[in-house]
Amino acid sequence: MERYTHGHHESVLRSHTWRTVQNSAAYLADYLVAGATVLDVGCGPGTITADIASMGATVIGIDAAADVVEKARDLGVDARVGDAYALDFADDSFDVVHSHQTLQHLARPVDALREFRRVVKPGGVVGVRDVDYAGTILFPETEGLALWAALYQKVHRSNGGEPDAGRRLKAWARAAGFASVEVTTSVWTFASDADRAWWGGMWADRVLQSAFAADALGTGLATQADLQLISDAWRAWAADPDAYMAMPHGEVIARD
């Protein structure tokens, strides 16, 4: 059974509301044009969705979590509660179906992609982007950060998802029946003082306060002492001027 690993604690939304087309969907930007009809599946608090709308597209965002749908609506987004496996739209409804960091949390990503394929118009495209946690580069890799990397894999998989989704997107899209699958890769980089403070501070809080923390403790995968060690490691990483992090993402544009 799948369960959203991060939840919607403030420390999680701190990172989700940072996302824009430029930093999270640039690979798809050529299709997010004025007049295009777009469905954003797993829209979260709606910052990417709103950015797509600002480009002149007509966009609808859906998310399984009613509380974040309300946050998206606060941005003026047409956001609705919805199910990625059973989209409430007719066949051939959209020019573009976009989904960012969603498939990694689904137990049946190929079924979701088949549903995306159903609602995209002939000649339209499905664009998905997901991180690949195992490909993440961290320096320096301290004891606490090594523990975080190993624990993240276990917690995410215990919730029915796939933390290394990025490398699997091409295979999943092909299994869903798409005739053409274009693959690219992009990286989030956190190295400047400001970026390290933001990312490291966010994870230092998230590992103690979010759904991730509750799941890690509830499943017995970590102790409170483990989580505190990880939190302290993130704060030390953020304060280290030599520290660096790169998170690779797989991206596919799929069509028939």
C-alpha atoms as a PDB file:
ATOM      1  CA  MET A   1       0.000   0.000   0.000  1.00  0.00           C
ATOM      2  CA  GLU A   2       1.402   3.388  -0.959  1.00  0.00           C
ATOM      3  CA  ARG A   3       1.736   6.327   1.401  1.00  0.00           C
ATOM      4  CA  TYR A   4       3.197   9.754   0.685  1.00  0.00           C
ATOM      5  CA  THR A   5       6.608   9.656   2.342  1.00  0.00           C
ATOM      6  CA  HIS A   6       7.071  13.365   3.014  1.00  0.00           C
ATOM      7  CA  GLY A   7       3.641  14.511   4.156  1.00  0.00           C
ATOM      8  CA  HIS A   8       2.838  18.224   4.121  1.00  0.00           C
ATOM      9  CA  HIS A   9       4.613  19.628   7.154  1.00  0.00           C
ATOM     10  CA  GLU A  10       5.874  23.187   6.753  1.00  0.00           C
ATOM     11  CA  SER A  11       9.425  21.868   6.287  1.00  0.00           C
ATOM     12  CA  VAL A  12       8.224  19.905   3.261  1.00  0.00           C
ATOM     13  CA  LEU A  13       6.198  22.729   1.735  1.00  0.00           C
ATOM     14  CA  ARG A  14       9.277  24.937   2.164  1.00  0.00           C
ATOM     15  CA  SER A  15      10.899  22.950  -0.639  1.00  0.00           C
ATOM     16  CA  HIS A  16       7.760  22.341  -2.710  1.00  0.00           C
ATOM     17  CA  THR A  17       6.909  26.051  -2.934  1.00  0.00           C
ATOM     18  CA  TRP A  18      10.432  26.766  -4.256  1.00  0.00           C
ATOM     19  CA  ARG A  19       9.703  24.872  -7.470  1.00  0.00           C
ATOM     20  CA  THR A  20       9.139  26.667 -10.763  1.00  0.00           C
ATOM     21  CA  VAL A  21       9.141  25.755 -14.438  1.00  0.00           C
ATOM     22  CA  GLN A  22      12.717  27.035 -14.681  1.00  0.00           C
ATOM     23  CA  ASN A  23      14.163  24.862 -11.900  1.00  0.00           C
ATOM     24  CA  SER A  24      11.860  21.854 -12.198  1.00  0.00           C
ATOM     25  CA  ALA A  25      10.258  21.635 -15.654  1.00  0.00           C
ATOM     26  CA  ALA A  26      12.609  23.382 -18.068  1.00  0.00           C
ATOM     27  CA  TYR A  27      12.794  20.214 -20.183  1.00  0.00           C
ATOM     28  CA  LEU A  28       9.080  20.657 -20.989  1.00  0.00           C
ATOM     29  CA  ALA A  29       8.980  24.441 -21.386  1.00  0.00           C
ATOM     30  CA  ASP A  30       8.701  24.380 -25.187  1.00  0.00           C
ATOM     31  CA  TYR A  31       5.303  22.685 -24.838  1.00  0.00           C
ATOM     32  CA  LEU A  32       3.944  24.957 -22.085  1.00  0.00           C
ATOM     33  CA  VAL A  33       2.902  27.642 -24.535  1.00  0.00           C
ATOM     34  CA  ALA A  34       0.070  30.129 -24.731  1.00  0.00           C
ATOM     35  CA  GLY A  35      -3.150  28.363 -25.640  1.00  0.00           C
ATOM     36  CA  ALA A  36      -2.005  24.888 -24.613  1.00  0.00           C
ATOM     37  CA  THR A  37      -4.249  22.863 -22.320  1.00  0.00           C
ATOM     38  CA  VAL A  38      -2.233  21.321 -19.495  1.00  0.00           C
ATOM     39  CA  LEU A  39      -2.986  18.878 -16.692  1.00  0.00           C
ATOM     40  CA  ASP A  40      -0.547  18.998 -13.762  1.00  0.00           C
ATOM     41  CA  VAL A  41      -0.796  15.705 -11.851  1.00  0.00           C
ATOM     42  CA  GLY A  42       0.486  15.855  -8.281  1.00  0.00           C
ATOM     43  CA  CYS A  43       0.502  19.649  -8.322  1.00  0.00           C
ATOM     44  CA  GLY A  44       1.154  20.048  -4.591  1.00  0.00           C
ATOM     45  CA  PRO A  45       0.972  23.689  -3.450  1.00  0.00           C
ATOM     46  CA  GLY A  46       0.790  24.775  -7.076  1.00  0.00           C
ATOM     47  CA  THR A  47       3.869  26.898  -7.720  1.00  0.00           C
ATOM     48  CA  ILE A  48       4.796  25.054 -10.923  1.00  0.00           C
ATOM     49  CA  THR A  49       1.128  25.008 -11.941  1.00  0.00           C
ATOM     50  CA  ALA A  50       0.838  28.761 -11.449  1.00  0.00           C
ATOM     51  CA  ASP A  51       4.051  29.282 -13.394  1.00  0.00           C
ATOM     52  CA  ILE A  52       2.632  27.259 -16.299  1.00  0.00           C
ATOM     53  CA  ALA A  53      -0.503  29.421 -16.226  1.00  0.00           C
ATOM     54  CA  SER A  54       1.638  32.579 -16.315  1.00  0.00           C
ATOM     55  CA  MET A  55       3.027  31.361 -19.642  1.00  0.00           C
ATOM     56  CA  GLY A  56      -0.445  31.572 -21.159  1.00  0.00           C
ATOM     57  CA  ALA A  57      -1.480  27.935 -20.925  1.00  0.00           C
ATOM     58  CA  THR A  58      -4.824  26.804 -19.551  1.00  0.00           C
ATOM     59  CA  VAL A  59      -3.857  24.515 -16.697  1.00  0.00           C
ATOM     60  CA  ILE A  60      -5.646  22.325 -14.164  1.00  0.00           C
ATOM     61  CA  GLY A  61      -3.765  20.929 -11.179  1.00  0.00           C
ATOM     62  CA  ILE A  62      -4.785  17.816  -9.299  1.00  0.00           C
ATOM     63  CA  ASP A  63      -3.444  16.341  -6.086  1.00  0.00           C
ATOM     64  CA  ALA A  64      -4.594  13.624  -3.723  1.00  0.00           C
ATOM     65  CA  ALA A  65      -4.180  15.875  -0.660  1.00  0.00           C
ATOM     66  CA  ALA A  66      -7.033  18.324  -0.074  1.00  0.00           C
ATOM     67  CA  ASP A  67      -4.952  20.597   2.173  1.00  0.00           C
ATOM     68  CA  VAL A  68      -2.332  21.325  -0.481  1.00  0.00           C
ATOM     69  CA  VAL A  69      -5.015  21.718  -3.133  1.00  0.00           C
ATOM     70  CA  GLU A  70      -6.301  24.624  -1.033  1.00  0.00           C
ATOM     71  CA  LYS A  71      -2.817  26.143  -1.004  1.00  0.00           C
ATOM     72  CA  ALA A  72      -2.691  25.888  -4.801  1.00  0.00           C
ATOM     73  CA  ARG A  73      -6.067  27.590  -5.042  1.00  0.00           C
ATOM     74  CA  ASP A  74      -4.677  30.420  -2.911  1.00  0.00           C
ATOM     75  CA  LEU A  75      -2.288  31.086  -5.828  1.00  0.00           C
ATOM     76  CA  GLY A  76      -5.242  31.353  -8.203  1.00  0.00           C
ATOM     77  CA  VAL A  77      -4.701  27.875  -9.643  1.00  0.00           C
ATOM     78  CA  ASP A  78      -7.627  25.753 -10.841  1.00  0.00           C
ATOM     79  CA  ALA A  79      -6.710  22.918  -8.466  1.00  0.00           C
ATOM     80  CA  ARG A  80      -8.801  19.876  -7.661  1.00  0.00           C
ATOM     81  CA  VAL A  81      -8.561  16.769  -5.515  1.00  0.00           C
ATOM     82  CA  GLY A  82      -7.926  13.857  -7.840  1.00  0.00           C
ATOM     83  CA  ASP A  83      -6.548  10.355  -8.312  1.00  0.00           C
ATOM     84  CA  ALA A  84      -3.621   9.779 -10.674  1.00  0.00           C
ATOM     85  CA  TYR A  85      -4.923   6.292 -11.405  1.00  0.00           C
ATOM     86  CA  ALA A  86      -8.443   7.487 -12.293  1.00  0.00           C
ATOM     87  CA  LEU A  87      -8.370  10.979 -13.766  1.00  0.00           C
ATOM     88  CA  ASP A  88     -11.775  12.638 -13.926  1.00  0.00           C
ATOM     89  CA  PHE A  89     -11.370  13.729 -17.541  1.00  0.00           C
ATOM     90  CA  ALA A  90     -12.440  12.371 -20.886  1.00  0.00           C
ATOM     91  CA  ASP A  91     -10.056  10.720 -23.318  1.00  0.00           C
ATOM     92  CA  ASP A  92      -7.943  13.122 -25.400  1.00  0.00           C
ATOM     93  CA  SER A  93      -8.548  16.156 -23.139  1.00  0.00           C
ATOM     94  CA  PHE A  94      -5.127  17.855 -22.860  1.00  0.00           C
ATOM     95  CA  ASP A  95      -2.245  18.944 -25.037  1.00  0.00           C
ATOM     96  CA  VAL A  96       0.199  18.283 -22.187  1.00  0.00           C
ATOM     97  CA  VAL A  97       0.082  16.116 -19.075  1.00  0.00           C
ATOM     98  CA  HIS A  98       2.817  17.128 -16.635  1.00  0.00           C
ATOM     99  CA  SER A  99       3.836  15.355 -13.442  1.00  0.00           C
ATOM    100  CA  HIS A 100       6.755  16.337 -11.230  1.00  0.00           C
ATOM    101  CA  GLN A 101       8.100  14.182  -8.376  1.00  0.00           C
ATOM    102  CA  THR A 102       4.903  12.122  -8.324  1.00  0.00           C
ATOM    103  CA  LEU A 103       5.616   8.729  -9.874  1.00  0.00           C
ATOM    104  CA  GLN A 104       8.266   7.984  -7.234  1.00  0.00           C
ATOM    105  CA  HIS A 105       5.511   7.890  -4.615  1.00  0.00           C
ATOM    106  CA  LEU A 106       3.149   5.591  -6.523  1.00  0.00           C
ATOM    107  CA  ALA A 107       3.041   1.828  -6.149  1.00  0.00           C
ATOM    108  CA  ARG A 108       1.798   1.494  -9.754  1.00  0.00           C
ATOM    109  CA  PRO A 109       3.612   4.143 -11.802  1.00  0.00           C
ATOM    110  CA  VAL A 110       3.004   2.356 -15.115  1.00  0.00           C
ATOM    111  CA  ASP A 111      -0.752   2.350 -14.470  1.00  0.00           C
ATOM    112  CA  ALA A 112      -0.606   6.080 -13.755  1.00  0.00           C
ATOM    113  CA  LEU A 113       1.295   6.679 -16.989  1.00  0.00           C
ATOM    114  CA  ARG A 114      -1.334   4.707 -18.897  1.00  0.00           C
ATOM    115  CA  GLU A 115      -3.946   7.035 -17.421  1.00  0.00           C
ATOM    116  CA  PHE A 116      -1.881  10.086 -18.418  1.00  0.00           C
ATOM    117  CA  ARG A 117      -1.702   8.622 -21.917  1.00  0.00           C
ATOM    118  CA  ARG A 118      -5.480   8.207 -22.017  1.00  0.00           C
ATOM    119  CA  VAL A 119      -6.226  11.874 -21.345  1.00  0.00           C
ATOM    120  CA  VAL A 120      -3.557  13.414 -23.605  1.00  0.00           C
ATOM    121  CA  LYS A 121      -4.670  14.426 -27.094  1.00  0.00           C
ATOM    122  CA  PRO A 122      -3.297  12.774 -30.235  1.00  0.00           C
ATOM    123  CA  GLY A 123      -0.074  14.636 -30.964  1.00  0.00           C
ATOM    124  CA  GLY A 124       0.198  15.782 -27.352  1.00  0.00           C
ATOM    125  CA  VAL A 125       2.920  14.944 -24.854  1.00  0.00           C
ATOM    126  CA  VAL A 126       3.281  13.528 -21.368  1.00  0.00           C
ATOM    127  CA  GLY A 127       6.197  14.998 -19.418  1.00  0.00           C
ATOM    128  CA  VAL A 128       7.380  13.470 -16.151  1.00  0.00           C
ATOM    129  CA  ARG A 129      10.383  14.264 -13.968  1.00  0.00           C
ATOM    130  CA  ASP A 130      11.546  12.400 -10.877  1.00  0.00           C
ATOM    131  CA  VAL A 131      14.595  12.426  -8.651  1.00  0.00           C
ATOM    132  CA  ASP A 132      17.000   9.512  -8.296  1.00  0.00           C
ATOM    133  CA  TYR A 133      18.047   9.470  -4.646  1.00  0.00           C
ATOM    134  CA  ALA A 134      20.711   6.792  -5.067  1.00  0.00           C
ATOM    135  CA  GLY A 135      22.454   9.022  -7.592  1.00  0.00           C
ATOM    136  CA  THR A 136      22.712  11.940  -5.175  1.00  0.00           C
ATOM    137  CA  ILE A 137      26.215  13.299  -4.580  1.00  0.00           C
ATOM    138  CA  LEU A 138      26.911  14.678  -1.106  1.00  0.00           C
ATOM    139  CA  PHE A 139      30.167  16.163   0.118  1.00  0.00           C
ATOM    140  CA  PRO A 140      31.376  15.705   2.726  1.00  0.00           C
ATOM    141  CA  GLU A 141      29.513  12.455   3.335  1.00  0.00           C
ATOM    142  CA  THR A 142      29.524  12.343   7.108  1.00  0.00           C
ATOM    143  CA  GLU A 143      28.200   9.542   9.288  1.00  0.00           C
ATOM    144  CA  GLY A 144      24.904  11.367   9.752  1.00  0.00           C
ATOM    145  CA  LEU A 145      24.375  12.023   6.058  1.00  0.00           C
ATOM    146  CA  ALA A 146      25.258   8.435   5.140  1.00  0.00           C
ATOM    147  CA  LEU A 147      22.647   7.340   7.678  1.00  0.00           C
ATOM    148  CA  TRP A 148      20.128   9.738   6.074  1.00  0.00           C
ATOM    149  CA  ALA A 149      20.756   8.309   2.587  1.00  0.00           C
ATOM    150  CA  ALA A 150      20.291   4.715   3.752  1.00  0.00           C
ATOM    151  CA  LEU A 151      17.270   5.528   5.910  1.00  0.00           C
ATOM    152  CA  TYR A 152      15.570   7.504   3.167  1.00  0.00           C
ATOM    153  CA  GLN A 153      15.686   4.495   0.851  1.00  0.00           C
ATOM    154  CA  LYS A 154      14.142   2.249   3.508  1.00  0.00           C
ATOM    155  CA  VAL A 155      11.380   4.649   4.572  1.00  0.00           C
ATOM    156  CA  HIS A 156      10.386   5.531   1.013  1.00  0.00           C
ATOM    157  CA  ARG A 157      10.180   1.879  -0.023  1.00  0.00           C
ATOM    158  CA  SER A 158       8.280   0.971   3.159  1.00  0.00           C
ATOM    159  CA  ASN A 159       5.605   3.364   1.904  1.00  0.00           C
ATOM    160  CA  GLY A 160       5.298   1.557  -1.429  1.00  0.00           C
ATOM    161  CA  GLY A 161       7.257   4.003  -3.577  1.00  0.00           C
ATOM    162  CA  GLU A 162      10.503   3.967  -5.546  1.00  0.00           C
ATOM    163  CA  PRO A 163      13.110   6.512  -4.395  1.00  0.00           C
ATOM    164  CA  ASP A 164      15.267   5.900  -7.472  1.00  0.00           C
ATOM    165  CA  ALA A 165      12.443   6.602  -9.928  1.00  0.00           C
ATOM    166  CA  GLY A 166      14.522   8.853 -12.162  1.00  0.00           C
ATOM    167  CA  ARG A 167      16.447   6.000 -13.764  1.00  0.00           C
ATOM    168  CA  ARG A 168      13.246   4.030 -14.328  1.00  0.00           C
ATOM    169  CA  LEU A 169      11.117   6.622 -16.132  1.00  0.00           C
ATOM    170  CA  LYS A 170      12.068   5.501 -19.632  1.00  0.00           C
ATOM    171  CA  ALA A 171      11.258   1.861 -18.868  1.00  0.00           C
ATOM    172  CA  TRP A 172       7.984   2.806 -17.183  1.00  0.00           C
ATOM    173  CA  ALA A 173       6.899   4.986 -20.123  1.00  0.00           C
ATOM    174  CA  ARG A 174       7.687   2.225 -22.597  1.00  0.00           C
ATOM    175  CA  ALA A 175       5.765  -0.275 -20.473  1.00  0.00           C
ATOM    176  CA  ALA A 176       2.809   2.126 -20.501  1.00  0.00           C
ATOM    177  CA  GLY A 177       2.727   1.839 -24.293  1.00  0.00           C
ATOM    178  CA  PHE A 178       4.140   5.135 -25.489  1.00  0.00           C
ATOM    179  CA  ALA A 179       5.590   4.902 -28.984  1.00  0.00           C
ATOM    180  CA  SER A 180       8.198   7.640 -28.479  1.00  0.00           C
ATOM    181  CA  VAL A 181      10.108   8.379 -25.284  1.00  0.00           C
ATOM    182  CA  GLU A 182      12.675  11.216 -25.224  1.00  0.00           C
ATOM    183  CA  VAL A 183      14.978  11.129 -22.205  1.00  0.00           C
ATOM    184  CA  THR A 184      16.942  13.947 -20.584  1.00  0.00           C
ATOM    185  CA  THR A 185      18.567  14.520 -17.212  1.00  0.00           C
ATOM    186  CA  SER A 186      18.935  17.610 -15.053  1.00  0.00           C
ATOM    187  CA  VAL A 187      20.392  18.282 -11.628  1.00  0.00           C
ATOM    188  CA  TRP A 188      19.488  20.363  -8.627  1.00  0.00           C
ATOM    189  CA  THR A 189      22.698  21.759  -7.135  1.00  0.00           C
ATOM    190  CA  PHE A 190      23.060  23.173  -3.627  1.00  0.00           C
ATOM    191  CA  ALA A 191      26.465  24.707  -3.008  1.00  0.00           C
ATOM    192  CA  SER A 192      26.190  28.418  -2.212  1.00  0.00           C
ATOM    193  CA  ASP A 193      25.899  29.576   1.380  1.00  0.00           C
ATOM    194  CA  ALA A 194      22.255  30.517   0.852  1.00  0.00           C
ATOM    195  CA  ASP A 195      21.337  27.282  -0.911  1.00  0.00           C
ATOM    196  CA  ARG A 196      23.035  25.115   1.709  1.00  0.00           C
ATOM    197  CA  ALA A 197      21.361  27.001   4.543  1.00  0.00           C
ATOM    198  CA  TRP A 198      17.958  26.579   2.889  1.00  0.00           C
ATOM    199  CA  TRP A 199      18.262  22.921   1.889  1.00  0.00           C
ATOM    200  CA  GLY A 200      20.172  21.747   4.951  1.00  0.00           C
ATOM    201  CA  GLY A 201      17.924  23.663   7.322  1.00  0.00           C
ATOM    202  CA  MET A 202      14.851  22.257   5.610  1.00  0.00           C
ATOM    203  CA  TRP A 203      16.039  18.650   5.998  1.00  0.00           C
ATOM    204  CA  ALA A 204      17.266  19.252   9.537  1.00  0.00           C
ATOM    205  CA  ASP A 205      13.671  20.143  10.411  1.00  0.00           C
ATOM    206  CA  ARG A 206      12.007  17.579   8.153  1.00  0.00           C
ATOM    207  CA  VAL A 207      13.854  14.597   9.609  1.00  0.00           C
ATOM    208  CA  LEU A 208      12.542  15.470  13.075  1.00  0.00           C
ATOM    209  CA  GLN A 209       9.056  16.839  12.392  1.00  0.00           C
ATOM    210  CA  SER A 210       7.550  15.567   9.126  1.00  0.00           C
ATOM    211  CA  ALA A 211       5.726  12.393   8.122  1.00  0.00           C
ATOM    212  CA  PHE A 212       9.131  10.986   7.208  1.00  0.00           C
ATOM    213  CA  ALA A 213      10.132  11.168  10.880  1.00  0.00           C
ATOM    214  CA  ALA A 214       6.895   9.581  12.049  1.00  0.00           C
ATOM    215  CA  ASP A 215       7.245   6.743   9.552  1.00  0.00           C
ATOM    216  CA  ALA A 216      10.896   6.123  10.378  1.00  0.00           C
ATOM    217  CA  LEU A 217      10.061   5.842  14.067  1.00  0.00           C
ATOM    218  CA  GLY A 218       6.771   3.997  13.606  1.00  0.00           C
ATOM    219  CA  THR A 219       8.303   1.286  11.450  1.00  0.00           C
ATOM    220  CA  GLY A 220      11.286   0.855  13.742  1.00  0.00           C
ATOM    221  CA  LEU A 221      13.686   1.828  10.965  1.00  0.00           C
ATOM    222  CA  ALA A 222      15.238   4.552  13.115  1.00  0.00           C
ATOM    223  CA  THR A 223      15.417   5.750  16.686  1.00  0.00           C
ATOM    224  CA  GLN A 224      14.970   9.311  17.889  1.00  0.00           C
ATOM    225  CA  ALA A 225      18.727   9.402  18.442  1.00  0.00           C
ATOM    226  CA  ASP A 226      19.269   8.405  14.796  1.00  0.00           C
ATOM    227  CA  LEU A 227      17.014  11.216  13.606  1.00  0.00           C
ATOM    228  CA  GLN A 228      18.767  13.736  15.837  1.00  0.00           C
ATOM    229  CA  LEU A 229      22.138  12.620  14.467  1.00  0.00           C
ATOM    230  CA  ILE A 230      20.859  13.150  10.918  1.00  0.00           C
ATOM    231  CA  SER A 231      19.381  16.557  11.781  1.00  0.00           C
ATOM    232  CA  ASP A 232      22.642  17.702  13.334  1.00  0.00           C
ATOM    233  CA  ALA A 233      24.534  16.412  10.292  1.00  0.00           C
ATOM    234  CA  TRP A 234      22.386  18.504   7.955  1.00  0.00           C
ATOM    235  CA  ARG A 235      23.005  21.622  10.034  1.00  0.00           C
ATOM    236  CA  ALA A 236      26.756  20.953  10.029  1.00  0.00           C
ATOM    237  CA  TRP A 237      26.653  20.401   6.256  1.00  0.00           C
ATOM    238  CA  ALA A 238      24.813  23.678   5.758  1.00  0.00           C
ATOM    239  CA  ALA A 239      27.461  25.514   7.769  1.00  0.00           C
ATOM    240  CA  ASP A 240      30.407  23.971   5.891  1.00  0.00           C
ATOM    241  CA  PRO A 241      31.612  26.304   3.096  1.00  0.00           C
ATOM    242  CA  ASP A 242      33.130  23.329   1.257  1.00  0.00           C
ATOM    243  CA  ALA A 243      29.879  21.339   1.240  1.00  0.00           C
ATOM    244  CA  TYR A 244      28.049  20.494  -1.969  1.00  0.00           C
ATOM    245  CA  MET A 245      25.036  18.471  -3.057  1.00  0.00           C
ATOM    246  CA  ALA A 246      23.788  17.405  -6.478  1.00  0.00           C
ATOM    247  CA  MET A 247      20.455  15.626  -6.970  1.00  0.00           C
ATOM    248  CA  PRO A 248      19.983  14.076 -10.442  1.00  0.00           C
ATOM    249  CA  HIS A 249      16.559  13.854 -12.046  1.00  0.00           C
ATOM    250  CA  GLY A 250      15.344  11.715 -14.896  1.00  0.00           C
ATOM    251  CA  GLU A 251      12.992  13.400 -17.371  1.00  0.00           C
ATOM    252  CA  VAL A 252      10.925  11.946 -20.169  1.00  0.00           C
ATOM    253  CA  ILE A 253       8.708  13.406 -22.856  1.00  0.00           C
ATOM    254  CA  ALA A 254       6.462  10.598 -24.066  1.00  0.00           C
ATOM    255  CA  ARG A 255       4.040  10.507 -26.963  1.00  0.00           C
ATOM    256  CA  ASP A 256       2.313   8.138 -29.350  1.00  0.00           C
END
